[in-house]
């Protein structure tokens, strides 16, 4: 199992500087929480939690390979 993932700075910069057209000063003043809130606003709501082990097990039972 892996540990915490690093903050996705490349994606955050594409969002802030590219999509939202923040100036570099505005981007670097924003906190990671503010960047994530902006992403959620662009995506139309809170980002869903990633699927867990139980979700995968239920999908495998519902849709077996063989």
PDB file of N, CA and C in Angstrom:
ATOM      1  N   UNK A   1       0.847  -1.175   0.000  1.00  0.00           N
ATOM      2  CA  UNK A   1       0.000   0.000   0.000  1.00  0.00           C
ATOM      3  C   UNK A   1       0.893   1.239   0.000  1.00  0.00           C
ATOM      4  N   UNK A   2       0.525   2.218  -0.760  1.00  0.00           N
ATOM      5  CA  UNK A   2       1.349   3.425  -0.838  1.00  0.00           C
ATOM      6  C   UNK A   2       0.886   4.455   0.184  1.00  0.00           C
ATOM      7  N   UNK A   3       1.777   5.380   0.481  1.00  0.00           N
ATOM      8  CA  UNK A   3       1.481   6.436   1.441  1.00  0.00           C
ATOM      9  C   UNK A   3       0.766   7.594   0.771  1.00  0.00           C
ATOM     10  N   UNK A   4       0.717   8.715   1.454  1.00  0.00           N
ATOM     11  CA  UNK A   4       0.059   9.900   0.890  1.00  0.00           C
ATOM     12  C   UNK A   4       0.732  10.321  -0.418  1.00  0.00           C
ATOM     13  N   UNK A   5      -0.091  10.761  -1.337  1.00  0.00           N
ATOM     14  CA  UNK A   5       0.414  11.210  -2.629  1.00  0.00           C
ATOM     15  C   UNK A   5       0.813  12.680  -2.536  1.00  0.00           C
ATOM     16  N   UNK A   6       1.864  13.074  -3.255  1.00  0.00           N
ATOM     17  CA  UNK A   6       2.238  14.495  -3.248  1.00  0.00           C
ATOM     18  C   UNK A   6       1.155  15.340  -3.915  1.00  0.00           C
ATOM     19  N   UNK A   7       1.119  16.602  -3.553  1.00  0.00           N
ATOM     20  CA  UNK A   7       0.136  17.503  -4.162  1.00  0.00           C
ATOM     21  C   UNK A   7       0.415  17.615  -5.657  1.00  0.00           C
ATOM     22  N   UNK A   8      -0.612  17.512  -6.506  1.00  0.00           N
ATOM     23  CA  UNK A   8      -0.427  17.538  -7.965  1.00  0.00           C
ATOM     24  C   UNK A   8      -0.215  18.962  -8.508  1.00  0.00           C
ATOM     25  N   UNK A   9       0.983  19.492  -8.282  1.00  0.00           N
ATOM     26  CA  UNK A   9       1.251  20.889  -8.659  1.00  0.00           C
ATOM     27  C   UNK A   9       1.099  21.144 -10.152  1.00  0.00           C
ATOM     28  N   UNK A  10       1.528  20.212 -10.999  1.00  0.00           N
ATOM     29  CA  UNK A  10       1.409  20.423 -12.455  1.00  0.00           C
ATOM     30  C   UNK A  10      -0.058  20.588 -12.844  1.00  0.00           C
ATOM     31  N   UNK A  11      -0.922  19.729 -12.322  1.00  0.00           N
ATOM     32  CA  UNK A  11      -2.352  19.835 -12.612  1.00  0.00           C
ATOM     33  C   UNK A  11      -2.925  21.126 -12.046  1.00  0.00           C
ATOM     34  N   UNK A  12      -2.496  21.487 -10.846  1.00  0.00           N
ATOM     35  CA  UNK A  12      -2.988  22.717 -10.220  1.00  0.00           C
ATOM     36  C   UNK A  12      -2.599  23.937 -11.048  1.00  0.00           C
ATOM     37  N   UNK A  13      -1.374  23.950 -11.565  1.00  0.00           N
ATOM     38  CA  UNK A  13      -0.937  25.089 -12.388  1.00  0.00           C
ATOM     39  C   UNK A  13      -1.722  25.147 -13.692  1.00  0.00           C
ATOM     40  N   UNK A  14      -2.003  23.982 -14.297  1.00  0.00           N
ATOM     41  CA  UNK A  14      -2.820  23.980 -15.523  1.00  0.00           C
ATOM     42  C   UNK A  14      -4.203  24.543 -15.236  1.00  0.00           C
ATOM     43  N   UNK A  15      -4.773  24.183 -14.088  1.00  0.00           N
ATOM     44  CA  UNK A  15      -6.090  24.693 -13.716  1.00  0.00           C
ATOM     45  C   UNK A  15      -6.042  26.195 -13.464  1.00  0.00           C
ATOM     46  N   UNK A  16      -5.167  26.611 -12.557  1.00  0.00           N
ATOM     47  CA  UNK A  16      -5.137  28.018 -12.153  1.00  0.00           C
ATOM     48  C   UNK A  16      -4.666  28.960 -13.232  1.00  0.00           C
ATOM     49  N   UNK A  17      -3.542  28.629 -13.845  1.00  0.00           N
ATOM     50  CA  UNK A  17      -2.963  29.541 -14.837  1.00  0.00           C
ATOM     51  C   UNK A  17      -3.628  29.405 -16.200  1.00  0.00           C
ATOM     52  N   UNK A  18      -4.018  28.185 -16.561  1.00  0.00           N
ATOM     53  CA  UNK A  18      -4.592  27.957 -17.882  1.00  0.00           C
ATOM     54  C   UNK A  18      -6.090  28.143 -17.924  1.00  0.00           C
ATOM     55  N   UNK A  19      -6.806  27.265 -17.242  1.00  0.00           N
ATOM     56  CA  UNK A  19      -8.266  27.270 -17.313  1.00  0.00           C
ATOM     57  C   UNK A  19      -8.883  28.491 -16.641  1.00  0.00           C
ATOM     58  N   UNK A  20      -8.428  28.805 -15.428  1.00  0.00           N
ATOM     59  CA  UNK A  20      -9.009  29.929 -14.695  1.00  0.00           C
ATOM     60  C   UNK A  20      -8.364  31.270 -15.035  1.00  0.00           C
ATOM     61  N   UNK A  21      -7.224  31.225 -15.706  1.00  0.00           N
ATOM     62  CA  UNK A  21      -6.506  32.428 -16.138  1.00  0.00           C
ATOM     63  C   UNK A  21      -6.110  33.334 -14.978  1.00  0.00           C
ATOM     64  N   UNK A  22      -5.758  32.699 -13.833  1.00  0.00           N
ATOM     65  CA  UNK A  22      -5.211  33.466 -12.727  1.00  0.00           C
ATOM     66  C   UNK A  22      -3.835  33.966 -13.123  1.00  0.00           C
ATOM     67  N   UNK A  23      -3.454  35.123 -12.628  1.00  0.00           N
ATOM     68  CA  UNK A  23      -2.081  35.578 -12.836  1.00  0.00           C
ATOM     69  C   UNK A  23      -1.175  34.691 -11.987  1.00  0.00           C
ATOM     70  N   UNK A  24       0.125  34.619 -12.301  1.00  0.00           N
ATOM     71  CA  UNK A  24       1.016  33.832 -11.441  1.00  0.00           C
ATOM     72  C   UNK A  24       0.945  34.278  -9.975  1.00  0.00           C
ATOM     73  N   UNK A  25       0.851  35.593  -9.732  1.00  0.00           N
ATOM     74  CA  UNK A  25       0.768  36.067  -8.351  1.00  0.00           C
ATOM     75  C   UNK A  25      -0.497  35.547  -7.668  1.00  0.00           C
ATOM     76  N   UNK A  26      -1.638  35.574  -8.373  1.00  0.00           N
ATOM     77  CA  UNK A  26      -2.881  35.058  -7.796  1.00  0.00           C
ATOM     78  C   UNK A  26      -2.762  33.564  -7.511  1.00  0.00           C
ATOM     79  N   UNK A  27      -2.174  32.832  -8.454  1.00  0.00           N
ATOM     80  CA  UNK A  27      -2.028  31.387  -8.269  1.00  0.00           C
ATOM     81  C   UNK A  27      -1.190  31.076  -7.042  1.00  0.00           C
ATOM     82  N   UNK A  28      -0.031  31.695  -6.928  1.00  0.00           N
ATOM     83  CA  UNK A  28       0.874  31.362  -5.831  1.00  0.00           C
ATOM     84  C   UNK A  28       0.392  31.877  -4.477  1.00  0.00           C
ATOM     85  N   UNK A  29      -0.546  32.831  -4.471  1.00  0.00           N
ATOM     86  CA  UNK A  29      -1.152  33.267  -3.214  1.00  0.00           C
ATOM     87  C   UNK A  29      -2.234  32.294  -2.745  1.00  0.00           C
ATOM     88  N   UNK A  30      -2.790  31.526  -3.674  1.00  0.00           N
ATOM     89  CA  UNK A  30      -3.864  30.588  -3.336  1.00  0.00           C
ATOM     90  C   UNK A  30      -3.308  29.416  -2.528  1.00  0.00           C
ATOM     91  N   UNK A  31      -4.069  28.968  -1.574  1.00  0.00           N
ATOM     92  CA  UNK A  31      -3.676  27.789  -0.800  1.00  0.00           C
ATOM     93  C   UNK A  31      -4.092  26.539  -1.576  1.00  0.00           C
ATOM     94  N   UNK A  32      -3.493  25.388  -1.271  1.00  0.00           N
ATOM     95  CA  UNK A  32      -3.954  24.147  -1.920  1.00  0.00           C
ATOM     96  C   UNK A  32      -5.453  23.921  -1.726  1.00  0.00           C
ATOM     97  N   UNK A  33      -5.975  24.276  -0.561  1.00  0.00           N
ATOM     98  CA  UNK A  33      -7.419  24.125  -0.325  1.00  0.00           C
ATOM     99  C   UNK A  33      -8.223  25.001  -1.290  1.00  0.00           C
ATOM    100  N   UNK A  34      -7.750  26.227  -1.542  1.00  0.00           N
ATOM    101  CA  UNK A  34      -8.446  27.117  -2.472  1.00  0.00           C
ATOM    102  C   UNK A  34      -8.354  26.586  -3.905  1.00  0.00           C
ATOM    103  N   UNK A  35      -7.218  26.030  -4.265  1.00  0.00           N
ATOM    104  CA  UNK A  35      -7.066  25.448  -5.606  1.00  0.00           C
ATOM    105  C   UNK A  35      -8.039  24.284  -5.770  1.00  0.00           C
ATOM    106  N   UNK A  36      -8.143  23.426  -4.751  1.00  0.00           N
ATOM    107  CA  UNK A  36      -9.064  22.293  -4.830  1.00  0.00           C
ATOM    108  C   UNK A  36     -10.522  22.772  -4.890  1.00  0.00           C
ATOM    109  N   UNK A  37     -10.849  23.833  -4.165  1.00  0.00           N
ATOM    110  CA  UNK A  37     -12.205  24.384  -4.227  1.00  0.00           C
ATOM    111  C   UNK A  37     -12.498  24.916  -5.628  1.00  0.00           C
ATOM    112  N   UNK A  38     -11.508  25.544  -6.260  1.00  0.00           N
ATOM    113  CA  UNK A  38     -11.685  26.023  -7.630  1.00  0.00           C
ATOM    114  C   UNK A  38     -11.911  24.851  -8.576  1.00  0.00           C
ATOM    115  N   UNK A  39     -11.163  23.768  -8.386  1.00  0.00           N
ATOM    116  CA  UNK A  39     -11.333  22.577  -9.219  1.00  0.00           C
ATOM    117  C   UNK A  39     -12.730  22.006  -9.048  1.00  0.00           C
ATOM    118  N   UNK A  40     -13.193  21.930  -7.803  1.00  0.00           N
ATOM    119  CA  UNK A  40     -14.538  21.423  -7.561  1.00  0.00           C
ATOM    120  C   UNK A  40     -15.580  22.326  -8.213  1.00  0.00           C
ATOM    121  N   UNK A  41     -15.346  23.635  -8.203  1.00  0.00           N
ATOM    122  CA  UNK A  41     -16.271  24.555  -8.853  1.00  0.00           C
ATOM    123  C   UNK A  41     -16.328  24.336 -10.349  1.00  0.00           C
ATOM    124  N   UNK A  42     -15.185  24.090 -10.958  1.00  0.00           N
ATOM    125  CA  UNK A  42     -15.126  23.840 -12.400  1.00  0.00           C
ATOM    126  C   UNK A  42     -15.802  22.514 -12.739  1.00  0.00           C
ATOM    127  N   UNK A  43     -15.655  21.524 -11.857  1.00  0.00           N
ATOM    128  CA  UNK A  43     -16.194  20.185 -12.098  1.00  0.00           C
ATOM    129  C   UNK A  43     -17.658  20.060 -11.699  1.00  0.00           C
ATOM    130  N   UNK A  44     -18.235  21.101 -11.135  1.00  0.00           N
ATOM    131  CA  UNK A  44     -19.646  21.065 -10.777  1.00  0.00           C
ATOM    132  C   UNK A  44     -19.948  20.431  -9.430  1.00  0.00           C
ATOM    133  N   UNK A  45     -19.021  20.411  -8.529  1.00  0.00           N
ATOM    134  CA  UNK A  45     -19.275  19.874  -7.190  1.00  0.00           C
ATOM    135  C   UNK A  45     -18.039  19.216  -6.619  1.00  0.00           C
ATOM    136  N   UNK A  46     -18.212  18.591  -5.459  1.00  0.00           N
ATOM    137  CA  UNK A  46     -17.088  17.938  -4.795  1.00  0.00           C
ATOM    138  C   UNK A  46     -16.579  16.789  -5.646  1.00  0.00           C
ATOM    139  N   UNK A  47     -15.267  16.625  -5.611  1.00  0.00           N
ATOM    140  CA  UNK A  47     -14.653  15.510  -6.315  1.00  0.00           C
ATOM    141  C   UNK A  47     -15.031  14.220  -5.594  1.00  0.00           C
ATOM    142  N   UNK A  48     -15.398  13.180  -6.341  1.00  0.00           N
ATOM    143  CA  UNK A  48     -15.755  11.927  -5.686  1.00  0.00           C
ATOM    144  C   UNK A  48     -14.532  11.263  -5.064  1.00  0.00           C
ATOM    145  N   UNK A  49     -14.784  10.501  -4.012  1.00  0.00           N
ATOM    146  CA  UNK A  49     -13.709   9.737  -3.402  1.00  0.00           C
ATOM    147  C   UNK A  49     -13.325   8.608  -4.350  1.00  0.00           C
ATOM    148  N   UNK A  50     -12.062   8.228  -4.382  1.00  0.00           N
ATOM    149  CA  UNK A  50     -11.679   7.106  -5.237  1.00  0.00           C
ATOM    150  C   UNK A  50     -12.342   5.817  -4.764  1.00  0.00           C
ATOM    151  N   UNK A  51     -12.526   4.899  -5.689  1.00  0.00           N
ATOM    152  CA  UNK A  51     -13.133   3.612  -5.353  1.00  0.00           C
ATOM    153  C   UNK A  51     -12.247   2.871  -4.365  1.00  0.00           C
ATOM    154  N   UNK A  52     -12.878   2.206  -3.433  1.00  0.00           N
ATOM    155  CA  UNK A  52     -12.145   1.435  -2.441  1.00  0.00           C
ATOM    156  C   UNK A  52     -12.125  -0.044  -2.777  1.00  0.00           C
ATOM    157  N   UNK A  53     -11.489  -0.816  -1.937  1.00  0.00           N
ATOM    158  CA  UNK A  53     -11.363  -2.264  -2.140  1.00  0.00           C
ATOM    159  C   UNK A  53     -12.741  -2.928  -2.199  1.00  0.00           C
ATOM    160  N   UNK A  54     -13.650  -2.501  -1.319  1.00  0.00           N
ATOM    161  CA  UNK A  54     -14.999  -3.075  -1.317  1.00  0.00           C
ATOM    162  C   UNK A  54     -15.740  -2.783  -2.614  1.00  0.00           C
ATOM    163  N   UNK A  55     -15.552  -1.576  -3.145  1.00  0.00           N
ATOM    164  CA  UNK A  55     -16.178  -1.220  -4.419  1.00  0.00           C
ATOM    165  C   UNK A  55     -15.687  -2.137  -5.532  1.00  0.00           C
ATOM    166  N   UNK A  56     -14.391  -2.374  -5.559  1.00  0.00           N
ATOM    167  CA  UNK A  56     -13.813  -3.240  -6.578  1.00  0.00           C
ATOM    168  C   UNK A  56     -14.354  -4.665  -6.433  1.00  0.00           C
ATOM    169  N   UNK A  57     -14.435  -5.165  -5.207  1.00  0.00           N
ATOM    170  CA  UNK A  57     -14.947  -6.516  -4.976  1.00  0.00           C
ATOM    171  C   UNK A  57     -16.385  -6.637  -5.479  1.00  0.00           C
ATOM    172  N   UNK A  58     -17.245  -5.652  -5.161  1.00  0.00           N
ATOM    173  CA  UNK A  58     -18.637  -5.686  -5.619  1.00  0.00           C
ATOM    174  C   UNK A  58     -18.724  -5.652  -7.136  1.00  0.00           C
ATOM    175  N   UNK A  59     -17.884  -4.843  -7.786  1.00  0.00           N
ATOM    176  CA  UNK A  59     -17.890  -4.811  -9.244  1.00  0.00           C
ATOM    177  C   UNK A  59     -17.445  -6.136  -9.843  1.00  0.00           C
ATOM    178  N   UNK A  60     -16.427  -6.746  -9.230  1.00  0.00           N
ATOM    179  CA  UNK A  60     -15.943  -8.034  -9.736  1.00  0.00           C
ATOM    180  C   UNK A  60     -17.001  -9.129  -9.574  1.00  0.00           C
ATOM    181  N   UNK A  61     -17.782  -9.072  -8.483  1.00  0.00           N
ATOM    182  CA  UNK A  61     -18.855 -10.035  -8.295  1.00  0.00           C
ATOM    183  C   UNK A  61     -19.992  -9.798  -9.287  1.00  0.00           C
ATOM    184  N   UNK A  62     -20.292  -8.539  -9.537  1.00  0.00           N
ATOM    185  CA  UNK A  62     -21.385  -8.206 -10.462  1.00  0.00           C
ATOM    186  C   UNK A  62     -21.012  -8.467 -11.918  1.00  0.00           C
ATOM    187  N   UNK A  63     -19.750  -8.318 -12.242  1.00  0.00           N
ATOM    188  CA  UNK A  63     -19.288  -8.464 -13.628  1.00  0.00           C
ATOM    189  C   UNK A  63     -18.069  -9.377 -13.694  1.00  0.00           C
ATOM    190  N   UNK A  64     -18.262 -10.686 -13.464  1.00  0.00           N
ATOM    191  CA  UNK A  64     -17.109 -11.600 -13.467  1.00  0.00           C
ATOM    192  C   UNK A  64     -16.489 -11.728 -14.861  1.00  0.00           C
ATOM    193  N   UNK A  65     -15.201 -12.012 -14.887  1.00  0.00           N
ATOM    194  CA  UNK A  65     -14.490 -12.146 -16.161  1.00  0.00           C
ATOM    195  C   UNK A  65     -14.889 -13.413 -16.924  1.00  0.00           C
ATOM    196  N   UNK A  66     -15.205 -14.452 -16.243  1.00  0.00           N
ATOM    197  CA  UNK A  66     -15.407 -15.715 -16.961  1.00  0.00           C
ATOM    198  C   UNK A  66     -16.756 -16.224 -16.819  1.00  0.00           C
TER     199      UNK A  66
END
